Amino acid sequence: MLPDFLRVGPPTAGIFLIETMLFTGMMFLLGRNNIEFLASLGLIFQYATMAMMIPIGLSQATVQRVPVSVAGNVGNSPANLKQVTQASLVLVGLYLVVLAVLHLGFEIRFSELFVVGAPLDTQVLDDIDRAKFLTFAIIAFHALIIVMAGILRGIGDVQSRLWIVLICYWGAELGLGVYLIEVAGYLVENSIKVVAIAKLLSLISILLRFTKTLRCS
């Protein structure tokens, strides 16, 4: 069994390591240029992390269900990969609809809930409010990515996600961020747009791989 674990385990660990280091790199980049926006972006990332808990849990469940569905039996009833895939995507879609209603419809500033004991600076509040559409886009893109990556991981395809993270996040996101802020001299506020662009590229990439893999399965 060891070769199978080594084939899946290290790439999965690498993905988490790369993503964690990426957020740290972006924070260092912003802190050198605009401390106020660094604070607002930190709050946005905390909210995004909280919002990812349900998709992550769904992804973990999907990883378990996919191999069983591929084997052709779940409990005493037949199942297949298509049914598990549809159910996972529908559930994450419904979750995003509810989140959109709360986040955009009722205009609830979830990021403020992370601050306890002191009022937020007006500028930080304005930054969070201006970025609310991009914040939701980042959460929506990432939620779909997580679920599709879970299905691929259940099939045994981990390498695709690792390369997508390297290219779209380290290549596009951090590279584009360094160029715009450090070289071209754009405002640090554009960093939230860079994150959204990288997530969109990652979503498109994994969607292409996802549809190709399902056709072959």
N, C-alpha and C. Protein backbone atom coordinates (compact mmCIF):
# COMPACT_ATOMS: atom_id res chain seq x y z
N MET A 1 0.81 -1.21 0.00
CA MET A 1 0.00 0.00 0.00
C MET A 1 0.85 1.27 0.00
N LEU A 2 2.12 1.16 0.41
CA LEU A 2 2.96 2.35 0.55
C LEU A 2 3.11 3.14 -0.74
N PRO A 3 3.32 2.51 -1.91
CA PRO A 3 3.43 3.30 -3.15
C PRO A 3 2.20 4.15 -3.44
N ASP A 4 1.00 3.63 -3.12
CA ASP A 4 -0.23 4.41 -3.34
C ASP A 4 -0.28 5.62 -2.43
N PHE A 5 0.12 5.43 -1.17
CA PHE A 5 0.14 6.57 -0.25
C PHE A 5 1.14 7.63 -0.69
N LEU A 6 2.30 7.20 -1.13
CA LEU A 6 3.32 8.14 -1.57
C LEU A 6 2.91 8.88 -2.84
N ARG A 7 2.11 8.22 -3.66
CA ARG A 7 1.67 8.86 -4.90
C ARG A 7 0.66 9.97 -4.62
N VAL A 8 -0.13 9.83 -3.57
CA VAL A 8 -1.19 10.79 -3.27
C VAL A 8 -0.79 11.74 -2.15
N GLY A 9 -0.12 11.23 -1.11
CA GLY A 9 0.16 12.03 0.07
C GLY A 9 1.06 13.23 -0.15
N PRO A 10 2.28 13.06 -0.66
CA PRO A 10 3.18 14.21 -0.84
C PRO A 10 2.61 15.32 -1.73
N PRO A 11 1.97 15.02 -2.89
CA PRO A 11 1.39 16.12 -3.67
C PRO A 11 0.30 16.87 -2.91
N THR A 12 -0.52 16.15 -2.14
CA THR A 12 -1.56 16.82 -1.35
C THR A 12 -0.95 17.73 -0.30
N ALA A 13 0.08 17.24 0.40
CA ALA A 13 0.79 18.08 1.38
C ALA A 13 1.44 19.28 0.69
N GLY A 14 1.98 19.05 -0.50
CA GLY A 14 2.61 20.14 -1.24
C GLY A 14 1.64 21.24 -1.60
N ILE A 15 0.41 20.87 -1.95
CA ILE A 15 -0.62 21.86 -2.29
C ILE A 15 -0.90 22.77 -1.09
N PHE A 16 -1.11 22.18 0.09
CA PHE A 16 -1.38 22.98 1.29
C PHE A 16 -0.19 23.87 1.64
N LEU A 17 1.03 23.34 1.52
CA LEU A 17 2.23 24.12 1.81
C LEU A 17 2.36 25.30 0.86
N ILE A 18 2.14 25.06 -0.42
CA ILE A 18 2.28 26.11 -1.43
C ILE A 18 1.24 27.21 -1.21
N GLU A 19 -0.01 26.83 -0.94
CA GLU A 19 -1.06 27.82 -0.75
C GLU A 19 -0.80 28.65 0.51
N THR A 20 -0.36 28.01 1.59
CA THR A 20 -0.08 28.74 2.83
C THR A 20 1.06 29.73 2.63
N MET A 21 2.12 29.29 2.00
CA MET A 21 3.26 30.18 1.74
C MET A 21 2.87 31.32 0.81
N LEU A 22 1.94 31.07 -0.10
CA LEU A 22 1.51 32.11 -1.02
C LEU A 22 0.83 33.25 -0.28
N PHE A 23 -0.10 32.92 0.64
CA PHE A 23 -0.77 33.96 1.41
C PHE A 23 0.23 34.75 2.24
N THR A 24 1.22 34.06 2.80
CA THR A 24 2.24 34.76 3.57
C THR A 24 3.03 35.72 2.69
N GLY A 25 3.37 35.27 1.47
CA GLY A 25 4.09 36.13 0.54
C GLY A 25 3.30 37.36 0.15
N MET A 26 2.00 37.20 -0.08
CA MET A 26 1.16 38.34 -0.44
C MET A 26 1.07 39.33 0.72
N MET A 27 1.01 38.83 1.95
CA MET A 27 0.93 39.71 3.11
C MET A 27 2.21 40.53 3.26
N PHE A 28 3.36 39.90 3.06
CA PHE A 28 4.63 40.63 3.12
C PHE A 28 4.66 41.72 2.05
N LEU A 29 4.17 41.38 0.87
CA LEU A 29 4.17 42.33 -0.25
C LEU A 29 3.31 43.55 0.07
N LEU A 30 2.12 43.31 0.65
CA LEU A 30 1.22 44.41 0.97
C LEU A 30 1.74 45.23 2.15
N GLY A 31 2.30 44.53 3.15
CA GLY A 31 2.76 45.24 4.34
C GLY A 31 3.85 46.25 4.06
N ARG A 32 4.63 46.03 3.00
CA ARG A 32 5.70 46.96 2.64
C ARG A 32 5.14 48.24 2.01
N ASN A 33 3.89 48.18 1.52
CA ASN A 33 3.37 49.30 0.74
C ASN A 33 2.16 50.01 1.35
N ASN A 34 1.32 49.27 2.04
CA ASN A 34 0.10 49.89 2.57
C ASN A 34 -0.40 49.08 3.76
N ILE A 35 -0.10 49.53 4.96
CA ILE A 35 -0.46 48.79 6.17
C ILE A 35 -1.97 48.76 6.35
N GLU A 36 -2.67 49.87 6.01
CA GLU A 36 -4.11 49.93 6.20
C GLU A 36 -4.82 48.88 5.34
N PHE A 37 -4.42 48.79 4.07
CA PHE A 37 -5.08 47.80 3.22
C PHE A 37 -4.66 46.39 3.61
N LEU A 38 -3.48 46.24 4.15
CA LEU A 38 -3.05 44.92 4.66
C LEU A 38 -4.02 44.45 5.73
N ALA A 39 -4.44 45.36 6.60
CA ALA A 39 -5.39 45.00 7.66
C ALA A 39 -6.73 44.57 7.07
N SER A 40 -7.23 45.32 6.09
CA SER A 40 -8.52 44.97 5.50
C SER A 40 -8.42 43.66 4.72
N LEU A 41 -7.30 43.45 4.02
CA LEU A 41 -7.15 42.20 3.26
C LEU A 41 -7.02 41.01 4.21
N GLY A 42 -6.35 41.22 5.35
CA GLY A 42 -6.27 40.16 6.34
C GLY A 42 -7.64 39.76 6.84
N LEU A 43 -8.50 40.73 7.07
CA LEU A 43 -9.87 40.43 7.51
C LEU A 43 -10.65 39.71 6.41
N ILE A 44 -10.44 40.14 5.16
CA ILE A 44 -11.12 39.49 4.05
C ILE A 44 -10.69 38.02 3.94
N PHE A 45 -9.39 37.77 4.08
CA PHE A 45 -8.89 36.40 4.00
C PHE A 45 -9.41 35.55 5.15
N GLN A 46 -9.53 36.15 6.34
CA GLN A 46 -10.08 35.41 7.48
C GLN A 46 -11.53 35.02 7.21
N TYR A 47 -12.29 35.94 6.66
CA TYR A 47 -13.69 35.64 6.31
C TYR A 47 -13.75 34.57 5.23
N ALA A 48 -12.87 34.67 4.23
CA ALA A 48 -12.85 33.67 3.17
C ALA A 48 -12.50 32.30 3.72
N THR A 49 -11.56 32.26 4.66
CA THR A 49 -11.20 30.98 5.29
C THR A 49 -12.37 30.39 6.04
N MET A 50 -13.10 31.21 6.78
CA MET A 50 -14.28 30.73 7.50
C MET A 50 -15.33 30.21 6.52
N ALA A 51 -15.54 30.94 5.43
CA ALA A 51 -16.55 30.55 4.45
C ALA A 51 -16.19 29.26 3.74
N MET A 52 -14.91 28.89 3.75
CA MET A 52 -14.46 27.67 3.06
C MET A 52 -14.69 26.41 3.89
N MET A 53 -15.10 26.54 5.15
CA MET A 53 -15.23 25.37 6.00
C MET A 53 -16.25 24.37 5.46
N ILE A 54 -17.38 24.87 4.97
CA ILE A 54 -18.41 23.96 4.43
C ILE A 54 -17.94 23.31 3.13
N PRO A 55 -17.40 24.05 2.15
CA PRO A 55 -16.86 23.37 0.96
C PRO A 55 -15.75 22.38 1.28
N ILE A 56 -14.89 22.69 2.25
CA ILE A 56 -13.82 21.75 2.61
C ILE A 56 -14.41 20.47 3.19
N GLY A 57 -15.41 20.62 4.06
CA GLY A 57 -16.07 19.43 4.61
C GLY A 57 -16.76 18.62 3.52
N LEU A 58 -17.39 19.31 2.59
CA LEU A 58 -18.04 18.63 1.46
C LEU A 58 -17.00 17.91 0.61
N SER A 59 -15.85 18.54 0.41
CA SER A 59 -14.79 17.94 -0.38
C SER A 59 -14.27 16.67 0.28
N GLN A 60 -14.08 16.71 1.61
CA GLN A 60 -13.59 15.53 2.32
C GLN A 60 -14.58 14.38 2.20
N ALA A 61 -15.87 14.69 2.30
CA ALA A 61 -16.88 13.64 2.15
C ALA A 61 -16.88 13.10 0.72
N THR A 62 -16.69 14.00 -0.24
CA THR A 62 -16.68 13.59 -1.65
C THR A 62 -15.51 12.65 -1.95
N VAL A 63 -14.34 12.96 -1.36
CA VAL A 63 -13.17 12.11 -1.56
C VAL A 63 -13.49 10.68 -1.14
N GLN A 64 -14.26 10.52 -0.06
CA GLN A 64 -14.60 9.19 0.43
C GLN A 64 -15.64 8.51 -0.45
N ARG A 65 -16.57 9.30 -0.99
CA ARG A 65 -17.67 8.71 -1.75
C ARG A 65 -17.27 8.31 -3.16
N VAL A 66 -16.33 9.06 -3.75
CA VAL A 66 -15.96 8.81 -5.14
C VAL A 66 -15.41 7.41 -5.37
N PRO A 67 -14.42 6.93 -4.57
CA PRO A 67 -13.92 5.59 -4.84
C PRO A 67 -14.99 4.52 -4.70
N VAL A 68 -15.90 4.72 -3.74
CA VAL A 68 -16.97 3.74 -3.55
C VAL A 68 -17.92 3.76 -4.74
N SER A 69 -18.22 4.97 -5.25
CA SER A 69 -19.12 5.08 -6.39
C SER A 69 -18.49 4.51 -7.65
N VAL A 70 -17.18 4.71 -7.79
CA VAL A 70 -16.47 4.14 -8.94
C VAL A 70 -16.52 2.62 -8.89
N ALA A 71 -16.45 2.08 -7.66
CA ALA A 71 -16.52 0.63 -7.50
C ALA A 71 -17.92 0.09 -7.82
N GLY A 72 -18.92 1.01 -7.84
CA GLY A 72 -20.24 0.61 -8.31
C GLY A 72 -21.25 0.31 -7.23
N ASN A 73 -20.92 0.61 -5.96
CA ASN A 73 -21.89 0.30 -4.92
C ASN A 73 -21.70 1.22 -3.73
N VAL A 74 -22.78 1.82 -3.25
CA VAL A 74 -22.78 2.62 -2.03
C VAL A 74 -23.85 2.02 -1.13
N GLY A 75 -23.43 1.34 -0.07
CA GLY A 75 -24.39 0.64 0.77
C GLY A 75 -25.01 -0.50 -0.01
N ASN A 76 -26.33 -0.48 -0.07
CA ASN A 76 -27.04 -1.54 -0.81
C ASN A 76 -27.62 -1.04 -2.13
N SER A 77 -27.34 0.23 -2.47
CA SER A 77 -27.91 0.79 -3.70
C SER A 77 -26.80 1.14 -4.67
N PRO A 78 -27.05 0.96 -5.98
CA PRO A 78 -26.02 1.29 -6.97
C PRO A 78 -25.79 2.80 -7.05
N ALA A 79 -24.58 3.17 -7.33
CA ALA A 79 -24.24 4.58 -7.50
C ALA A 79 -23.13 4.67 -8.51
N ASN A 80 -22.91 5.87 -9.05
CA ASN A 80 -21.81 6.06 -9.99
C ASN A 80 -21.19 7.42 -9.80
N LEU A 81 -20.09 7.63 -10.47
CA LEU A 81 -19.34 8.86 -10.31
C LEU A 81 -20.16 10.08 -10.72
N LYS A 82 -20.98 9.94 -11.76
CA LYS A 82 -21.78 11.06 -12.23
C LYS A 82 -22.75 11.54 -11.15
N GLN A 83 -23.38 10.61 -10.45
CA GLN A 83 -24.34 11.00 -9.40
C GLN A 83 -23.65 11.72 -8.25
N VAL A 84 -22.50 11.20 -7.81
CA VAL A 84 -21.76 11.85 -6.73
C VAL A 84 -21.30 13.23 -7.16
N THR A 85 -20.83 13.35 -8.40
CA THR A 85 -20.37 14.64 -8.92
C THR A 85 -21.51 15.65 -8.95
N GLN A 86 -22.66 15.24 -9.48
CA GLN A 86 -23.81 16.15 -9.56
C GLN A 86 -24.25 16.58 -8.17
N ALA A 87 -24.31 15.64 -7.23
CA ALA A 87 -24.75 15.96 -5.88
C ALA A 87 -23.79 16.95 -5.22
N SER A 88 -22.49 16.73 -5.39
CA SER A 88 -21.50 17.62 -4.78
C SER A 88 -21.59 19.03 -5.33
N LEU A 89 -21.72 19.15 -6.65
CA LEU A 89 -21.77 20.47 -7.28
C LEU A 89 -23.08 21.20 -6.95
N VAL A 90 -24.17 20.44 -6.86
CA VAL A 90 -25.44 21.06 -6.49
C VAL A 90 -25.39 21.60 -5.06
N LEU A 91 -24.81 20.81 -4.16
CA LEU A 91 -24.72 21.23 -2.76
C LEU A 91 -23.86 22.49 -2.61
N VAL A 92 -22.70 22.50 -3.27
CA VAL A 92 -21.84 23.68 -3.16
C VAL A 92 -22.48 24.87 -3.85
N GLY A 93 -23.25 24.62 -4.92
CA GLY A 93 -23.98 25.70 -5.59
C GLY A 93 -25.03 26.32 -4.69
N LEU A 94 -25.79 25.49 -3.99
CA LEU A 94 -26.81 25.99 -3.06
C LEU A 94 -26.17 26.78 -1.91
N TYR A 95 -25.04 26.28 -1.43
CA TYR A 95 -24.32 26.99 -0.37
C TYR A 95 -23.90 28.38 -0.83
N LEU A 96 -23.40 28.48 -2.06
CA LEU A 96 -22.96 29.78 -2.59
C LEU A 96 -24.14 30.72 -2.79
N VAL A 97 -25.29 30.18 -3.16
CA VAL A 97 -26.48 31.02 -3.30
C VAL A 97 -26.87 31.63 -1.95
N VAL A 98 -26.90 30.80 -0.91
CA VAL A 98 -27.22 31.30 0.44
C VAL A 98 -26.20 32.35 0.87
N LEU A 99 -24.92 32.06 0.63
CA LEU A 99 -23.87 33.01 1.00
C LEU A 99 -24.01 34.32 0.23
N ALA A 100 -24.38 34.24 -1.04
CA ALA A 100 -24.56 35.45 -1.85
C ALA A 100 -25.70 36.30 -1.31
N VAL A 101 -26.78 35.65 -0.89
CA VAL A 101 -27.92 36.39 -0.34
C VAL A 101 -27.50 37.14 0.93
N LEU A 102 -26.75 36.45 1.80
CA LEU A 102 -26.30 37.08 3.05
C LEU A 102 -25.25 38.16 2.79
N HIS A 103 -24.30 37.83 1.92
CA HIS A 103 -23.14 38.70 1.69
C HIS A 103 -23.48 39.91 0.84
N LEU A 104 -24.24 39.69 -0.23
CA LEU A 104 -24.55 40.77 -1.16
C LEU A 104 -25.97 41.31 -0.98
N GLY A 105 -26.93 40.41 -0.77
CA GLY A 105 -28.32 40.84 -0.62
C GLY A 105 -28.56 41.67 0.63
N PHE A 106 -28.14 41.13 1.78
CA PHE A 106 -28.33 41.83 3.05
C PHE A 106 -27.14 42.71 3.42
N GLU A 107 -26.07 42.64 2.60
CA GLU A 107 -24.87 43.47 2.80
C GLU A 107 -24.31 43.33 4.22
N ILE A 108 -24.20 42.08 4.67
CA ILE A 108 -23.63 41.82 5.99
C ILE A 108 -22.10 41.82 5.87
N ARG A 109 -21.44 42.61 6.67
CA ARG A 109 -19.98 42.68 6.64
C ARG A 109 -19.42 41.61 7.58
N PHE A 110 -19.28 40.41 7.09
CA PHE A 110 -18.80 39.32 7.93
C PHE A 110 -17.40 39.57 8.44
N SER A 111 -16.58 40.27 7.67
CA SER A 111 -15.20 40.50 8.07
C SER A 111 -15.11 41.27 9.39
N GLU A 112 -16.10 42.12 9.67
CA GLU A 112 -16.08 42.89 10.90
C GLU A 112 -16.24 42.01 12.13
N LEU A 113 -16.85 40.85 11.96
CA LEU A 113 -17.12 39.98 13.10
C LEU A 113 -15.83 39.44 13.72
N PHE A 114 -14.71 39.52 12.98
CA PHE A 114 -13.44 39.00 13.49
C PHE A 114 -12.74 40.00 14.40
N VAL A 115 -13.23 41.23 14.46
CA VAL A 115 -12.60 42.26 15.28
C VAL A 115 -13.36 42.37 16.59
N VAL A 116 -12.66 42.17 17.70
CA VAL A 116 -13.28 42.19 19.02
C VAL A 116 -12.55 43.20 19.90
N GLY A 117 -13.30 44.07 20.55
CA GLY A 117 -12.71 44.94 21.56
C GLY A 117 -12.26 46.30 21.09
N ALA A 118 -12.32 46.57 19.78
CA ALA A 118 -11.88 47.88 19.29
C ALA A 118 -12.62 48.21 18.01
N PRO A 119 -12.99 49.49 17.83
CA PRO A 119 -13.67 49.87 16.58
C PRO A 119 -12.71 49.83 15.39
N LEU A 120 -13.26 49.51 14.23
CA LEU A 120 -12.45 49.48 13.01
C LEU A 120 -12.26 50.88 12.46
N ASP A 121 -11.11 51.12 11.86
CA ASP A 121 -10.85 52.38 11.18
C ASP A 121 -11.80 52.53 9.99
N THR A 122 -12.24 53.78 9.75
CA THR A 122 -13.18 54.03 8.65
C THR A 122 -12.62 53.60 7.31
N GLN A 123 -11.33 53.83 7.09
CA GLN A 123 -10.71 53.47 5.83
C GLN A 123 -10.74 51.95 5.62
N VAL A 124 -10.49 51.20 6.69
CA VAL A 124 -10.52 49.74 6.60
C VAL A 124 -11.93 49.27 6.23
N LEU A 125 -12.95 49.88 6.85
CA LEU A 125 -14.33 49.53 6.53
C LEU A 125 -14.66 49.83 5.08
N ASP A 126 -14.19 50.96 4.59
CA ASP A 126 -14.44 51.33 3.20
C ASP A 126 -13.75 50.34 2.25
N ASP A 127 -12.53 49.93 2.59
CA ASP A 127 -11.80 48.96 1.75
C ASP A 127 -12.55 47.63 1.68
N ILE A 128 -13.04 47.18 2.84
CA ILE A 128 -13.79 45.92 2.87
C ILE A 128 -15.06 46.03 2.06
N ASP A 129 -15.75 47.17 2.17
CA ASP A 129 -17.01 47.35 1.46
C ASP A 129 -16.79 47.41 -0.04
N ARG A 130 -15.74 48.08 -0.50
CA ARG A 130 -15.47 48.18 -1.93
C ARG A 130 -15.10 46.82 -2.53
N ALA A 131 -14.53 45.97 -1.71
CA ALA A 131 -14.05 44.68 -2.21
C ALA A 131 -15.06 43.56 -2.04
N LYS A 132 -16.31 43.87 -1.68
CA LYS A 132 -17.25 42.80 -1.33
C LYS A 132 -17.58 41.90 -2.52
N PHE A 133 -17.66 42.47 -3.73
CA PHE A 133 -17.96 41.63 -4.90
C PHE A 133 -16.77 40.73 -5.24
N LEU A 134 -15.56 41.28 -5.16
CA LEU A 134 -14.37 40.47 -5.40
C LEU A 134 -14.20 39.42 -4.31
N THR A 135 -14.54 39.79 -3.07
CA THR A 135 -14.45 38.83 -1.97
C THR A 135 -15.35 37.64 -2.23
N PHE A 136 -16.59 37.91 -2.64
CA PHE A 136 -17.50 36.80 -2.91
C PHE A 136 -17.03 35.99 -4.11
N ALA A 137 -16.49 36.66 -5.12
CA ALA A 137 -16.00 35.95 -6.30
C ALA A 137 -14.87 34.99 -5.91
N ILE A 138 -13.96 35.45 -5.06
CA ILE A 138 -12.85 34.60 -4.61
C ILE A 138 -13.39 33.38 -3.86
N ILE A 139 -14.36 33.60 -2.98
CA ILE A 139 -14.95 32.50 -2.22
C ILE A 139 -15.66 31.52 -3.15
N ALA A 140 -16.43 32.04 -4.12
CA ALA A 140 -17.17 31.18 -5.04
C ALA A 140 -16.22 30.36 -5.91
N PHE A 141 -15.20 31.01 -6.46
CA PHE A 141 -14.24 30.29 -7.30
C PHE A 141 -13.55 29.19 -6.49
N HIS A 142 -13.11 29.55 -5.28
CA HIS A 142 -12.36 28.60 -4.46
C HIS A 142 -13.24 27.44 -4.00
N ALA A 143 -14.50 27.72 -3.69
CA ALA A 143 -15.41 26.65 -3.25
C ALA A 143 -15.59 25.61 -4.35
N LEU A 144 -15.79 26.06 -5.58
CA LEU A 144 -15.94 25.13 -6.70
C LEU A 144 -14.64 24.37 -6.96
N ILE A 145 -13.52 25.06 -6.84
CA ILE A 145 -12.21 24.42 -7.03
C ILE A 145 -12.02 23.30 -6.01
N ILE A 146 -12.34 23.58 -4.75
CA ILE A 146 -12.13 22.60 -3.68
C ILE A 146 -12.95 21.33 -3.94
N VAL A 147 -14.20 21.49 -4.33
CA VAL A 147 -15.07 20.33 -4.54
C VAL A 147 -14.60 19.52 -5.75
N MET A 148 -14.28 20.20 -6.85
CA MET A 148 -13.80 19.47 -8.03
C MET A 148 -12.46 18.79 -7.75
N ALA A 149 -11.60 19.46 -6.97
CA ALA A 149 -10.32 18.84 -6.60
C ALA A 149 -10.55 17.62 -5.73
N GLY A 150 -11.58 17.66 -4.88
CA GLY A 150 -11.92 16.50 -4.06
C GLY A 150 -12.35 15.31 -4.89
N ILE A 151 -13.13 15.57 -5.94
CA ILE A 151 -13.56 14.48 -6.83
C ILE A 151 -12.36 13.90 -7.56
N LEU A 152 -11.48 14.76 -8.06
CA LEU A 152 -10.28 14.28 -8.74
C LEU A 152 -9.38 13.49 -7.78
N ARG A 153 -9.28 13.97 -6.54
CA ARG A 153 -8.45 13.27 -5.56
C ARG A 153 -9.04 11.89 -5.25
N GLY A 154 -10.36 11.79 -5.24
CA GLY A 154 -11.00 10.50 -5.02
C GLY A 154 -10.69 9.51 -6.12
N ILE A 155 -10.54 10.01 -7.34
CA ILE A 155 -10.18 9.15 -8.47
C ILE A 155 -8.71 8.78 -8.42
N GLY A 156 -7.92 9.61 -7.72
CA GLY A 156 -6.48 9.37 -7.63
C GLY A 156 -5.65 10.38 -8.38
N ASP A 157 -6.30 11.44 -8.91
CA ASP A 157 -5.59 12.47 -9.66
C ASP A 157 -5.26 13.63 -8.72
N VAL A 158 -4.04 13.66 -8.24
CA VAL A 158 -3.60 14.74 -7.35
C VAL A 158 -2.59 15.65 -8.06
N GLN A 159 -1.85 15.10 -8.99
CA GLN A 159 -0.81 15.85 -9.68
C GLN A 159 -1.37 17.07 -10.43
N SER A 160 -2.56 16.92 -11.02
CA SER A 160 -3.15 18.03 -11.78
C SER A 160 -3.35 19.25 -10.90
N ARG A 161 -3.92 19.03 -9.72
CA ARG A 161 -4.17 20.14 -8.79
C ARG A 161 -2.87 20.80 -8.35
N LEU A 162 -1.84 19.99 -8.14
CA LEU A 162 -0.55 20.54 -7.71
C LEU A 162 0.01 21.48 -8.77
N TRP A 163 -0.01 21.08 -10.03
CA TRP A 163 0.52 21.92 -11.10
C TRP A 163 -0.34 23.17 -11.32
N ILE A 164 -1.65 23.02 -11.16
CA ILE A 164 -2.54 24.18 -11.30
C ILE A 164 -2.24 25.21 -10.21
N VAL A 165 -2.02 24.76 -8.98
CA VAL A 165 -1.67 25.66 -7.88
C VAL A 165 -0.36 26.38 -8.17
N LEU A 166 0.62 25.63 -8.62
CA LEU A 166 1.92 26.24 -8.91
C LEU A 166 1.83 27.30 -10.01
N ILE A 167 1.14 26.97 -11.08
CA ILE A 167 1.08 27.89 -12.23
C ILE A 167 0.17 29.08 -11.96
N CYS A 168 -1.05 28.82 -11.49
CA CYS A 168 -2.04 29.89 -11.34
C CYS A 168 -1.79 30.76 -10.11
N TYR A 169 -1.35 30.16 -9.01
CA TYR A 169 -1.16 30.95 -7.79
C TYR A 169 0.23 31.55 -7.71
N TRP A 170 1.26 30.68 -7.80
CA TRP A 170 2.62 31.21 -7.70
C TRP A 170 3.02 31.95 -8.96
N GLY A 171 2.63 31.43 -10.12
CA GLY A 171 2.99 32.09 -11.36
C GLY A 171 2.17 33.34 -11.62
N ALA A 172 0.84 33.17 -11.69
CA ALA A 172 -0.04 34.29 -12.05
C ALA A 172 -0.25 35.25 -10.89
N GLU A 173 -0.66 34.71 -9.73
CA GLU A 173 -1.06 35.60 -8.63
C GLU A 173 0.13 36.35 -8.04
N LEU A 174 1.11 35.62 -7.54
CA LEU A 174 2.23 36.30 -6.90
C LEU A 174 3.07 37.06 -7.92
N GLY A 175 3.27 36.46 -9.10
CA GLY A 175 4.05 37.14 -10.13
C GLY A 175 3.38 38.42 -10.60
N LEU A 176 2.09 38.35 -10.87
CA LEU A 176 1.35 39.53 -11.31
C LEU A 176 1.29 40.58 -10.21
N GLY A 177 1.12 40.12 -8.95
CA GLY A 177 1.09 41.06 -7.83
C GLY A 177 2.39 41.81 -7.67
N VAL A 178 3.51 41.09 -7.74
CA VAL A 178 4.82 41.73 -7.62
C VAL A 178 5.03 42.73 -8.75
N TYR A 179 4.65 42.35 -9.97
CA TYR A 179 4.84 43.25 -11.11
C TYR A 179 4.00 44.52 -10.97
N LEU A 180 2.70 44.37 -10.67
CA LEU A 180 1.81 45.53 -10.60
C LEU A 180 2.19 46.48 -9.47
N ILE A 181 2.53 45.91 -8.31
CA ILE A 181 2.77 46.75 -7.13
C ILE A 181 4.20 47.26 -7.07
N GLU A 182 5.16 46.35 -7.29
CA GLU A 182 6.56 46.71 -7.12
C GLU A 182 7.17 47.35 -8.37
N VAL A 183 6.78 46.89 -9.54
CA VAL A 183 7.40 47.36 -10.79
C VAL A 183 6.57 48.46 -11.44
N ALA A 184 5.29 48.17 -11.70
CA ALA A 184 4.43 49.13 -12.41
C ALA A 184 3.92 50.24 -11.50
N GLY A 185 3.98 50.03 -10.19
CA GLY A 185 3.59 51.09 -9.26
C GLY A 185 2.09 51.26 -9.09
N TYR A 186 1.30 50.22 -9.36
CA TYR A 186 -0.14 50.31 -9.16
C TYR A 186 -0.46 50.30 -7.67
N LEU A 187 -1.67 50.73 -7.33
CA LEU A 187 -2.09 50.75 -5.93
C LEU A 187 -2.16 49.34 -5.37
N VAL A 188 -1.88 49.22 -4.08
CA VAL A 188 -1.93 47.92 -3.42
C VAL A 188 -3.35 47.34 -3.46
N GLU A 189 -4.35 48.21 -3.55
CA GLU A 189 -5.73 47.75 -3.60
C GLU A 189 -5.98 46.80 -4.78
N ASN A 190 -5.13 46.87 -5.80
CA ASN A 190 -5.29 45.97 -6.94
C ASN A 190 -4.95 44.52 -6.60
N SER A 191 -4.33 44.30 -5.42
CA SER A 191 -3.95 42.94 -5.04
C SER A 191 -5.17 42.04 -4.89
N ILE A 192 -6.29 42.59 -4.45
CA ILE A 192 -7.49 41.78 -4.31
C ILE A 192 -8.00 41.34 -5.68
N LYS A 193 -7.80 42.21 -6.69
CA LYS A 193 -8.16 41.84 -8.05
C LYS A 193 -7.24 40.75 -8.58
N VAL A 194 -5.96 40.85 -8.21
CA VAL A 194 -4.99 39.83 -8.64
C VAL A 194 -5.37 38.47 -8.07
N VAL A 195 -5.78 38.44 -6.80
CA VAL A 195 -6.20 37.18 -6.18
C VAL A 195 -7.41 36.60 -6.90
N ALA A 196 -8.38 37.46 -7.24
CA ALA A 196 -9.57 37.00 -7.95
C ALA A 196 -9.22 36.45 -9.33
N ILE A 197 -8.31 37.12 -10.03
CA ILE A 197 -7.88 36.65 -11.36
C ILE A 197 -7.22 35.28 -11.25
N ALA A 198 -6.34 35.11 -10.26
CA ALA A 198 -5.66 33.83 -10.08
C ALA A 198 -6.64 32.72 -9.75
N LYS A 199 -7.63 33.01 -8.90
CA LYS A 199 -8.64 32.00 -8.58
C LYS A 199 -9.46 31.63 -9.81
N LEU A 200 -9.78 32.63 -10.64
CA LEU A 200 -10.54 32.36 -11.86
C LEU A 200 -9.73 31.48 -12.81
N LEU A 201 -8.45 31.79 -12.98
CA LEU A 201 -7.59 30.96 -13.83
C LEU A 201 -7.50 29.54 -13.30
N SER A 202 -7.40 29.41 -11.99
CA SER A 202 -7.34 28.09 -11.37
C SER A 202 -8.65 27.33 -11.59
N LEU A 203 -9.77 28.04 -11.46
CA LEU A 203 -11.08 27.41 -11.68
C LEU A 203 -11.22 26.91 -13.11
N ILE A 204 -10.83 27.74 -14.07
CA ILE A 204 -10.92 27.35 -15.49
C ILE A 204 -10.03 26.14 -15.76
N SER A 205 -8.81 26.17 -15.21
CA SER A 205 -7.86 25.08 -15.44
C SER A 205 -8.35 23.77 -14.88
N ILE A 206 -8.83 23.81 -13.63
CA ILE A 206 -9.27 22.56 -13.01
C ILE A 206 -10.59 22.08 -13.63
N LEU A 207 -11.41 23.02 -14.13
CA LEU A 207 -12.64 22.62 -14.81
C LEU A 207 -12.34 21.87 -16.10
N LEU A 208 -11.35 22.35 -16.85
CA LEU A 208 -10.96 21.65 -18.08
C LEU A 208 -10.43 20.26 -17.77
N ARG A 209 -9.58 20.16 -16.74
CA ARG A 209 -9.05 18.86 -16.34
C ARG A 209 -10.16 17.96 -15.81
N PHE A 210 -11.07 18.56 -15.07
CA PHE A 210 -12.18 17.84 -14.44
C PHE A 210 -13.08 17.20 -15.50
N THR A 211 -13.48 17.99 -16.49
CA THR A 211 -14.38 17.46 -17.53
C THR A 211 -13.66 16.39 -18.37
N LYS A 212 -12.39 16.59 -18.65
CA LYS A 212 -11.63 15.60 -19.42
C LYS A 212 -11.52 14.28 -18.66
N THR A 213 -11.26 14.37 -17.33
CA THR A 213 -11.11 13.16 -16.52
C THR A 213 -12.42 12.41 -16.41
N LEU A 214 -13.53 13.14 -16.25
CA LEU A 214 -14.83 12.48 -16.11
C LEU A 214 -15.22 11.77 -17.40
N ARG A 215 -14.86 12.36 -18.53
CA ARG A 215 -15.19 11.70 -19.80
C ARG A 215 -14.45 10.37 -19.95
N CYS A 216 -13.23 10.36 -19.40
CA CYS A 216 -12.39 9.15 -19.53
C CYS A 216 -12.73 8.09 -18.49
N SER A 217 -13.48 8.50 -17.44
CA SER A 217 -13.77 7.57 -16.34
C SER A 217 -14.95 6.66 -16.69
